[in-house]
Amino acid sequence: MQGEFNKIKLLVKIKWEEIFILNEFNQYSTISGYKEISLLNKYLREKFRTKLFKYISVRYDHLEGFPDYFEGSKDNEIQDGNLAKLSIKQLEGIYNFKINKINPFVMELVKEAKLFSNYLESLTLLFLGRQCYFLFSQICNFNQLTTLSICGCVVGLEEFSKTMLKLVNLEFLILNEVEFVKFQNDGDIDRTLVFPSSLKVLDYSSLCINITDLTKNGYDFIFHYKASIIQNTFYFAPHILPELEKLKFIDYDYESEFLPLFLALNPQLKSLNVLCNSLDLECLFTLSNNNNIKHLSIEFGDFDFGFVSEESLPPLSSLIFIEIHKITLSSYLTAYELISSCENLEGIELEVECYDEEFVNNIINKLSKLKSFKLNILVISETKFNLNMFSSIESLAISLNSTKELIEFNLPKHSFNTKFIKLQMKNWYEDSFNLIKESQSKDSNWHIKLLGNNIICKHIGN
């Protein structure tokens, strides 16, 4: 009786639905069919892995999700639970703290990542702070990386230098608000740092180096350091990067000869993004002599200029696109002089503090090859905006950040060059659209429509 009961119990546990499905599948499939399905599944799995694990981002909140994350450790030996509040002496009193907590955590993280390391091309480390010091040494395991982005992290300079030597396929490197750590026994590692020769894009913004008299004892520095520390802006030694095409160099306390020398060593550079305090006359002459720069992006703002408008600027004949941000009233002349030195410009983007029709008109008259114009206006006092001055431009985009009153736009009347106009406003866009439609009711040359807060105008003849 007991045996019969057990048989019934087993029958109940059998997943009959799956059995029927497999039986039906078996009836309508052949050996060749199995092969095709198997190959298809393998192909789809491979594509899925390639897409899913191609890019990985590690953030501070991701680390907290690990049960043994040392920053939030609830080990009985650490009653406080907040290691940042413990003194170095207290940390040293915890038996094998680094061995028991930090190393296992990092090893587990790397173990998980290695499962898809063959597919990983892009890695981003975001706002990991001092904890990044322990993680970064493992990045060299992913030597097939083509993109590495680090923002808001503390990194050991020696480990960073070693990693750069191993990432031989790296093409995109983004370093933003990174604090490098140089210990007492690191030597001159800051002067010998070399980036991979495969690098095509380098984004280098707001970096500093912490030079400490501590020896290489990681957790002392990371969790609670009161040792003697000197913090300076960090510049790597300029060197040749034969494949580099684009450099973004943002330095708010620029007092270095870094940029002129770097530009001289890399004449093949095609795109440059800098603050105006970094772009001095020497840099402009170097760019002129190199004759390869195609795209230049500059931020004016409240920074001191590396050059003055009274100086004779060298021609930037190779430049075809320029964008200048935060142009104030006092810097209109400097902006005009710089733009005037770029006679072959085909595209321009300007962000002006206050709209000045004469300033814009002078630029258009100066540049005979200009095809596209993008104008971002922070403040405008006019209630009428005449667009006839842009009639020689093929593509026009105007963005108004603040409009206190309704603005009446006058589209170019007899334009055979202008093909596209985009007017973007934060307010009054519906009223401005209706005014344009009304004024163009008898003119069939323009097709006008409202998309969100954008007024789109297309010339019908084109």
Foldseek 3Di string as FASTA:
>chain_A
DVVVVVVVVVVVPDPVVVVVVVVVVVVPDDPVRVVVVVVVVVVVVVVCLLVPQQEDEDEQVNLVPDPLNPCQDVDPLDPVSHLLPDAPVSVVVPPPCCPVRVVVSLVVVLVVSVVSLVNYAEYEYEQNALNVQSNLLSPLVSLQHQYYAYENYEYELVSVQVSQVRNQNHAYYHYYQYEYEDEPPNPVSQAVRDHHLNYAEYHAYFYKYKYFDHHPDRVCVRRYDPGDIDIDHGDHAAAANANYAEYEYEDPPDDDPRQLVNCLRHLQHAEYAYEQLVCAQSNQVSLQVSLRHAEYEYEYAPDDGNYDLVDQHAANANYAEYEYEEAEPVCLSVVLNVLLSHQNHQEYEYEYAEDDPVSVLVSLVSHPNHAEYEYEYADYDDQEAEPQSCLQHQEYEYEYNDDPDHHAYDDHDDHPRHFKYKYAYPDNQVVNQVNVCVVCVVPPQWDWDDDPRIIIIGGPVD
